[in-house]
N, C-alpha and C. Protein backbone atom coordinates (compact mmCIF):
# COMPACT_ATOMS: atom_id res chain seq x y z
N MET A 1 120.37 243.71 -47.66
CA MET A 1 119.51 243.08 -46.48
C MET A 1 119.53 241.71 -46.87
N ILE A 2 119.51 241.28 -48.22
CA ILE A 2 119.57 240.08 -48.59
C ILE A 2 120.63 238.88 -48.16
N PRO A 3 121.71 239.60 -48.20
CA PRO A 3 122.67 239.12 -48.26
C PRO A 3 123.16 238.81 -46.19
N THR A 4 122.19 239.66 -45.93
CA THR A 4 122.52 239.44 -44.44
C THR A 4 121.37 238.31 -43.82
N LYS A 5 120.19 238.42 -44.72
CA LYS A 5 119.66 236.89 -44.29
C LYS A 5 120.30 235.72 -44.87
N ILE A 6 121.15 235.87 -45.50
CA ILE A 6 121.73 234.29 -46.25
C ILE A 6 122.55 234.03 -45.25
N ARG A 7 123.42 234.97 -44.97
CA ARG A 7 124.26 234.48 -43.87
C ARG A 7 123.90 234.44 -42.68
N TRP A 8 122.70 234.46 -42.06
CA TRP A 8 122.33 234.16 -40.92
C TRP A 8 121.48 232.78 -41.38
N LEU A 9 120.92 232.31 -42.46
CA LEU A 9 121.00 230.99 -42.72
C LEU A 9 122.20 230.18 -42.93
N VAL A 10 122.89 230.98 -43.37
CA VAL A 10 124.48 229.83 -43.45
C VAL A 10 124.74 229.69 -42.25
N LEU A 11 124.80 230.83 -41.42
CA LEU A 11 125.22 230.27 -40.07
C LEU A 11 124.56 229.39 -39.09
N ALA A 12 122.58 229.50 -39.38
CA ALA A 12 122.39 228.29 -38.74
C ALA A 12 122.03 227.37 -39.28
N ALA A 13 122.71 226.83 -40.41
CA ALA A 13 122.63 225.56 -41.15
C ALA A 13 123.98 224.71 -40.36
N ALA A 14 125.24 225.84 -40.46
CA ALA A 14 126.63 225.30 -40.06
C ALA A 14 126.22 224.90 -38.24
N LEU A 15 125.24 225.62 -37.56
CA LEU A 15 125.07 225.55 -36.30
C LEU A 15 124.57 224.47 -35.99
N ALA A 16 123.39 224.23 -36.69
CA ALA A 16 122.86 222.78 -36.31
C ALA A 16 123.39 221.44 -37.01
N ALA A 17 124.64 221.79 -37.93
CA ALA A 17 125.34 220.36 -38.13
C ALA A 17 126.49 220.28 -37.30
N CYS A 18 126.86 221.61 -36.87
CA CYS A 18 128.04 221.34 -35.74
C CYS A 18 127.39 220.53 -33.81
N ALA A 19 126.07 220.77 -34.14
CA ALA A 19 125.27 220.16 -32.75
C ALA A 19 125.58 218.57 -32.13
N ASP A 20 125.63 218.59 -31.23
CA ASP A 20 125.73 217.55 -30.64
C ASP A 20 124.92 216.82 -30.71
N LYS A 21 125.19 215.37 -31.56
CA LYS A 21 124.61 214.61 -31.69
C LYS A 21 123.65 213.43 -30.70
N ALA A 22 122.74 213.02 -30.14
CA ALA A 22 122.76 212.20 -29.10
C ALA A 22 123.11 211.44 -29.13
N PRO A 23 123.81 210.09 -28.11
CA PRO A 23 124.74 208.72 -28.06
C PRO A 23 123.50 208.20 -28.68
N LYS A 24 124.28 207.08 -29.08
CA LYS A 24 123.45 205.95 -30.10
C LYS A 24 123.72 204.59 -29.17
N SER A 25 121.84 204.22 -29.07
CA SER A 25 121.73 203.17 -28.16
C SER A 25 122.24 202.33 -28.54
N PRO A 26 122.85 201.28 -27.33
CA PRO A 26 123.92 199.85 -27.91
C PRO A 26 122.67 199.38 -28.60
N LYS A 27 122.93 197.58 -29.55
CA LYS A 27 122.08 196.96 -29.77
C LYS A 27 121.41 196.00 -28.96
N LEU A 28 120.36 195.84 -29.24
CA LEU A 28 119.80 194.77 -28.04
C LEU A 28 120.62 193.34 -27.49
N SER A 29 120.76 192.96 -28.70
CA SER A 29 121.53 191.80 -28.84
C SER A 29 123.30 191.75 -27.99
N ASP A 30 123.55 192.74 -27.29
CA ASP A 30 124.79 193.40 -27.23
C ASP A 30 124.49 193.71 -25.68
N ALA A 31 123.71 194.06 -25.29
CA ALA A 31 123.68 194.99 -23.76
C ALA A 31 122.63 193.83 -23.20
N LEU A 32 121.08 192.69 -24.10
CA LEU A 32 120.61 192.06 -23.02
C LEU A 32 120.84 191.07 -24.07
N PRO A 33 121.59 189.88 -24.14
CA PRO A 33 121.53 189.35 -25.38
C PRO A 33 120.74 187.68 -25.01
N ASN A 34 120.54 187.34 -23.46
CA ASN A 34 119.53 186.20 -23.33
C ASN A 34 118.46 187.13 -22.48
N ILE A 35 117.84 187.99 -23.00
CA ILE A 35 116.53 188.46 -22.72
C ILE A 35 115.87 187.45 -21.59
N PRO A 36 115.67 187.54 -20.86
CA PRO A 36 114.37 186.96 -20.07
C PRO A 36 113.28 187.45 -20.08
N LEU A 37 112.09 187.53 -20.84
CA LEU A 37 111.00 187.96 -20.37
C LEU A 37 110.03 187.32 -19.42
N PRO A 38 109.35 188.10 -18.69
CA PRO A 38 108.17 187.78 -17.59
C PRO A 38 107.16 187.05 -18.47
N PRO A 39 106.42 186.38 -17.35
CA PRO A 39 105.25 185.64 -17.73
C PRO A 39 104.33 186.69 -18.65
N GLN A 40 103.54 186.52 -19.48
CA GLN A 40 102.56 187.58 -19.81
C GLN A 40 103.07 188.71 -20.14
N ALA A 41 104.26 188.86 -20.36
CA ALA A 41 104.53 190.27 -20.60
C ALA A 41 104.41 191.13 -22.37
N SER A 42 104.04 191.98 -21.62
CA SER A 42 103.55 193.09 -22.80
C SER A 42 104.86 194.26 -23.62
N PHE A 43 105.41 194.94 -24.40
CA PHE A 43 106.55 195.85 -24.01
C PHE A 43 105.56 196.99 -23.50
N VAL A 44 106.87 197.78 -23.19
CA VAL A 44 106.13 199.36 -22.64
C VAL A 44 106.81 200.35 -23.26
N SER A 45 108.66 199.98 -22.80
CA SER A 45 109.58 201.66 -23.45
C SER A 45 110.87 200.51 -23.14
N ARG A 46 111.32 201.18 -24.10
CA ARG A 46 112.88 200.90 -24.41
C ARG A 46 113.63 202.28 -23.89
N SER A 47 114.83 202.53 -23.33
CA SER A 47 115.19 203.64 -23.06
C SER A 47 117.16 203.26 -22.84
N GLY A 48 117.90 203.96 -23.17
CA GLY A 48 119.64 203.80 -22.67
C GLY A 48 120.32 205.18 -22.99
N GLY A 49 121.32 204.28 -23.19
CA GLY A 49 122.44 205.62 -23.19
C GLY A 49 123.64 204.51 -24.58
N THR A 50 124.94 204.99 -23.99
CA THR A 50 126.21 204.48 -24.94
C THR A 50 126.55 203.32 -24.93
N ASP A 51 125.74 202.75 -23.48
CA ASP A 51 126.83 201.57 -23.01
C ASP A 51 125.99 201.05 -21.62
N ALA A 52 124.37 201.19 -22.55
CA ALA A 52 123.19 200.67 -21.72
C ALA A 52 121.62 200.85 -22.10
N LEU A 53 121.62 199.49 -21.32
CA LEU A 53 119.75 199.66 -22.14
C LEU A 53 118.85 199.61 -21.26
N GLN A 54 117.95 199.50 -21.35
CA GLN A 54 116.88 199.31 -20.21
C GLN A 54 115.47 198.97 -21.16
N ILE A 55 114.81 197.76 -20.97
CA ILE A 55 113.56 197.35 -21.40
C ILE A 55 112.89 197.28 -20.48
N THR A 56 111.61 198.12 -20.38
CA THR A 56 110.69 198.45 -19.55
C THR A 56 109.16 197.35 -19.85
N LEU A 57 108.81 196.36 -19.32
CA LEU A 57 107.43 195.51 -19.64
C LEU A 57 106.35 195.37 -18.59
N HIS A 58 105.31 195.25 -18.95
CA HIS A 58 104.21 194.85 -18.05
C HIS A 58 103.88 193.14 -18.20
N SER A 59 103.67 193.41 -16.77
CA SER A 59 102.91 191.65 -16.62
C SER A 59 101.71 191.67 -16.23
N SER A 60 100.72 190.54 -16.76
CA SER A 60 99.64 190.82 -15.88
C SER A 60 99.68 190.06 -14.30
N ALA A 61 100.60 189.57 -14.55
CA ALA A 61 101.43 188.45 -13.19
C ALA A 61 101.39 189.56 -11.92
N ALA A 62 100.96 189.12 -10.65
CA ALA A 62 101.85 189.65 -9.72
C ALA A 62 103.12 189.79 -9.67
N PRO A 63 103.45 191.28 -8.80
CA PRO A 63 104.83 190.77 -8.66
C PRO A 63 105.60 189.67 -7.77
N GLU A 64 105.07 189.37 -7.21
CA GLU A 64 105.44 188.04 -6.00
C GLU A 64 105.67 187.32 -6.79
N ALA A 65 104.62 186.68 -8.01
CA ALA A 65 104.46 185.64 -8.96
C ALA A 65 106.39 186.15 -10.01
N VAL A 66 106.61 186.96 -10.13
CA VAL A 66 107.14 187.42 -11.30
C VAL A 66 108.55 187.09 -10.92
N ALA A 67 108.32 187.98 -9.13
CA ALA A 67 109.32 187.33 -8.44
C ALA A 67 110.21 186.44 -8.46
N SER A 68 109.26 184.98 -7.96
CA SER A 68 109.45 183.77 -8.02
C SER A 68 110.10 183.36 -9.12
N TYR A 69 109.78 183.64 -10.39
CA TYR A 69 109.36 182.96 -11.80
C TYR A 69 111.20 183.51 -12.02
N TYR A 70 111.46 184.63 -11.86
CA TYR A 70 113.03 185.08 -12.19
C TYR A 70 113.85 184.33 -10.42
N ARG A 71 113.53 184.11 -9.71
CA ARG A 71 114.48 183.51 -8.90
C ARG A 71 114.42 182.05 -9.34
N ALA A 72 113.28 181.55 -9.84
CA ALA A 72 113.40 179.38 -10.10
C ALA A 72 114.68 180.18 -11.70
N LEU A 73 114.31 180.93 -12.40
CA LEU A 73 114.62 181.13 -13.57
C LEU A 73 116.25 180.59 -13.48
N PHE A 74 116.72 181.58 -12.85
CA PHE A 74 118.11 182.05 -12.10
C PHE A 74 118.80 181.17 -11.62
N LYS A 75 118.20 180.06 -11.27
CA LYS A 75 119.46 178.84 -10.59
C LYS A 75 119.54 177.47 -11.72
N THR A 76 119.00 177.81 -12.61
CA THR A 76 119.52 177.38 -14.08
C THR A 76 120.46 177.34 -14.93
N GLY A 77 120.76 176.96 -15.53
CA GLY A 77 121.71 176.90 -16.55
C GLY A 77 122.66 177.89 -16.83
N LYS A 78 123.06 179.08 -17.44
CA LYS A 78 124.36 179.73 -17.46
C LYS A 78 123.89 181.15 -16.34
N TRP A 79 122.97 181.17 -15.72
CA TRP A 79 122.79 182.42 -14.84
C TRP A 79 123.31 181.86 -13.48
N LYS A 80 123.43 183.20 -12.61
CA LYS A 80 123.86 183.12 -11.36
C LYS A 80 123.25 184.54 -10.71
N LEU A 81 122.42 184.04 -9.17
CA LEU A 81 121.92 185.20 -9.05
C LEU A 81 122.96 185.43 -8.02
N VAL A 82 123.44 187.06 -8.32
CA VAL A 82 124.46 187.38 -7.62
C VAL A 82 123.93 188.14 -5.65
N ASN A 83 122.85 189.15 -6.22
CA ASN A 83 122.07 189.59 -5.25
C ASN A 83 120.82 190.07 -5.63
N GLU A 84 119.92 189.73 -4.30
CA GLU A 84 118.72 190.12 -4.11
C GLU A 84 118.40 190.95 -3.07
N ALA A 85 117.55 192.29 -3.33
CA ALA A 85 117.14 193.49 -2.54
C ALA A 85 115.99 194.23 -2.99
N LYS A 86 115.41 194.89 -1.88
CA LYS A 86 113.94 195.57 -1.75
C LYS A 86 114.94 196.79 -2.27
N ASP A 87 114.37 197.95 -3.22
CA ASP A 87 114.69 199.29 -3.20
C ASP A 87 113.58 200.37 -2.06
N ALA A 88 114.10 201.27 -1.88
CA ALA A 88 113.61 202.06 -1.40
C ALA A 88 112.08 202.66 -1.50
N GLU A 89 111.85 202.11 -2.72
CA GLU A 89 109.97 202.18 -3.19
C GLU A 89 109.59 200.47 -3.02
N GLY A 90 110.24 199.64 -2.26
CA GLY A 90 109.84 198.08 -1.75
C GLY A 90 110.21 197.74 -3.60
N ALA A 91 110.30 197.84 -4.25
CA ALA A 91 110.25 196.84 -5.59
C ALA A 91 111.67 195.77 -5.03
N THR A 92 111.29 194.85 -5.78
CA THR A 92 112.26 193.63 -6.17
C THR A 92 113.67 193.84 -7.09
N VAL A 93 114.50 194.21 -6.42
CA VAL A 93 115.77 193.99 -7.41
C VAL A 93 116.61 193.04 -7.32
N LEU A 94 116.91 192.71 -8.94
CA LEU A 94 117.79 191.15 -8.72
C LEU A 94 118.86 191.61 -9.08
N LEU A 95 120.53 191.25 -9.04
CA LEU A 95 121.52 191.30 -9.62
C LEU A 95 121.67 189.83 -10.41
N VAL A 96 121.88 189.68 -11.92
CA VAL A 96 122.28 188.35 -12.24
C VAL A 96 123.63 188.67 -12.94
N GLN A 97 124.46 187.25 -13.29
CA GLN A 97 125.60 187.34 -14.23
C GLN A 97 124.99 186.38 -14.83
N GLN A 98 125.70 186.30 -16.36
CA GLN A 98 125.96 185.05 -17.05
C GLN A 98 127.03 185.13 -18.01
N ASN A 99 126.94 184.34 -18.93
CA ASN A 99 127.95 184.51 -20.27
C ASN A 99 127.93 185.33 -20.66
N GLY A 100 128.37 186.79 -20.25
CA GLY A 100 127.56 187.90 -21.27
C GLY A 100 128.12 189.10 -20.20
N PRO A 101 126.73 189.93 -20.21
CA PRO A 101 127.33 191.33 -19.65
C PRO A 101 125.99 191.05 -18.38
N PRO A 102 126.32 191.45 -17.19
CA PRO A 102 125.14 192.08 -16.05
C PRO A 102 123.87 192.18 -16.92
N LEU A 103 123.03 191.63 -15.90
CA LEU A 103 121.40 191.94 -15.19
C LEU A 103 120.90 192.31 -14.59
N TRP A 104 120.49 193.24 -14.64
CA TRP A 104 119.63 194.12 -12.94
C TRP A 104 118.03 194.08 -14.09
N VAL A 105 117.32 193.45 -12.65
CA VAL A 105 115.84 193.11 -12.46
C VAL A 105 115.10 193.96 -11.66
N ARG A 106 114.25 194.55 -11.74
CA ARG A 106 113.59 195.29 -10.75
C ARG A 106 111.97 195.13 -11.29
N ILE A 107 111.56 194.35 -10.12
CA ILE A 107 109.81 193.89 -10.24
C ILE A 107 109.08 195.05 -9.08
N HIS A 108 108.15 195.55 -9.94
CA HIS A 108 107.46 196.77 -8.56
C HIS A 108 105.43 196.40 -9.53
N PRO A 109 104.89 196.65 -8.35
CA PRO A 109 103.61 197.18 -8.82
C PRO A 109 103.50 197.46 -9.97
N ALA A 110 102.07 197.22 -10.82
CA ALA A 110 102.27 197.90 -12.10
C ALA A 110 101.46 199.61 -11.41
N ALA A 111 101.60 200.71 -12.28
CA ALA A 111 100.90 201.59 -11.59
C ALA A 111 98.99 201.88 -11.21
N ASP A 112 98.89 200.98 -12.39
CA ASP A 112 97.41 200.92 -11.63
C ASP A 112 96.91 199.48 -11.55
N ASP A 113 97.71 198.80 -10.57
CA ASP A 113 97.45 197.95 -9.98
C ASP A 113 97.20 196.24 -10.90
N SER A 114 97.76 196.53 -12.12
CA SER A 114 97.06 195.40 -13.16
C SER A 114 97.81 194.28 -12.92
N GLY A 115 98.74 194.39 -12.20
CA GLY A 115 100.04 193.16 -12.29
C GLY A 115 101.21 193.60 -12.53
N SER A 116 102.49 193.80 -12.44
CA SER A 116 103.91 194.40 -12.12
C SER A 116 103.99 194.68 -13.90
N THR A 117 105.29 195.91 -13.24
CA THR A 117 106.10 196.48 -13.87
C THR A 117 107.95 195.87 -13.43
N VAL A 118 108.12 195.32 -14.99
CA VAL A 118 109.28 195.18 -14.97
C VAL A 118 110.36 195.66 -15.74
N GLU A 119 111.76 196.37 -15.19
CA GLU A 119 112.59 196.94 -15.55
C GLU A 119 113.27 196.12 -15.99
N LEU A 120 114.28 195.50 -17.25
CA LEU A 120 115.39 194.88 -17.29
C LEU A 120 116.45 195.46 -17.87
N SER A 121 118.03 195.67 -17.48
CA SER A 121 118.03 196.63 -17.61
C SER A 121 119.92 195.53 -17.95
N GLY A 122 120.34 196.40 -19.01
CA GLY A 122 121.62 195.68 -19.32
C GLY A 122 122.72 196.05 -19.98
N ALA A 123 124.17 195.79 -19.47
CA ALA A 123 125.27 197.33 -19.78
C ALA A 123 126.20 196.42 -20.73
N VAL A 124 126.61 197.31 -21.89
CA VAL A 124 127.48 196.77 -23.08
C VAL A 124 128.94 196.62 -22.33
N LEU A 125 129.31 194.89 -22.77
CA LEU A 125 130.85 195.17 -21.97
C LEU A 125 132.13 195.39 -22.69
N SER A 126 132.76 195.99 -22.05
CA SER A 126 134.11 196.53 -23.52
C SER A 126 134.89 195.13 -23.66
N LYS A 127 135.78 195.08 -24.46
CA LYS A 127 136.57 194.23 -25.00
C LYS A 127 137.41 193.68 -23.77
N ILE A 128 137.87 194.47 -22.74
CA ILE A 128 138.20 193.82 -21.60
C ILE A 128 137.78 193.52 -20.52
N ASP A 129 136.44 193.52 -20.34
CA ASP A 129 135.35 193.11 -19.36
C ASP A 129 135.22 191.90 -19.86
N SER A 130 135.37 191.61 -21.32
CA SER A 130 134.27 190.71 -21.25
C SER A 130 135.77 189.23 -21.28
N ALA A 131 137.48 190.08 -21.52
CA ALA A 131 137.74 189.08 -21.50
C ALA A 131 138.02 188.11 -19.83
N GLY A 132 137.02 188.31 -18.82
CA GLY A 132 137.24 188.09 -17.78
C GLY A 132 137.28 188.64 -16.86
N ALA A 133 136.95 190.17 -16.88
CA ALA A 133 136.81 190.89 -15.13
C ALA A 133 135.41 190.59 -14.96
N LYS A 134 134.47 190.69 -14.29
CA LYS A 134 133.75 190.25 -12.83
C LYS A 134 133.27 192.00 -12.96
N PRO A 135 131.64 191.72 -13.44
CA PRO A 135 130.81 193.25 -13.50
C PRO A 135 130.73 193.44 -11.85
N ALA A 136 130.62 194.64 -11.20
CA ALA A 136 130.48 195.48 -9.62
C ALA A 136 129.52 195.07 -10.02
N SER A 137 129.74 194.61 -8.44
CA SER A 137 127.79 194.55 -7.46
C SER A 137 127.40 195.39 -6.52
């Protein structure tokens, strides 16, 4: 009976060691190197996969004020506002190019109507992309 239990423990340990490991998220500096924070920002969450990262922030400013802030910011320096649209939920979505990875900014009212929720999403560029290819819009 004891050898059977030992075999089961060894098998369980082997299966655990062979299990798929969760993909490692990219570094913040790789996916969002020039992260422009909204006014009065506080951190909410971070999520991502192997080549993309999303930071969610809360701002006490109204959604339209945050959108205006980003529109003005993306007219300066190395930023280029490529596209602005409203998604199916009415959120303002901005696609921005810079000297580095593309940036997507999604702005919508906070769930408790206490300002705005801002989602900043970036992708890690491969060496081929960073050599001159433009991101798809």
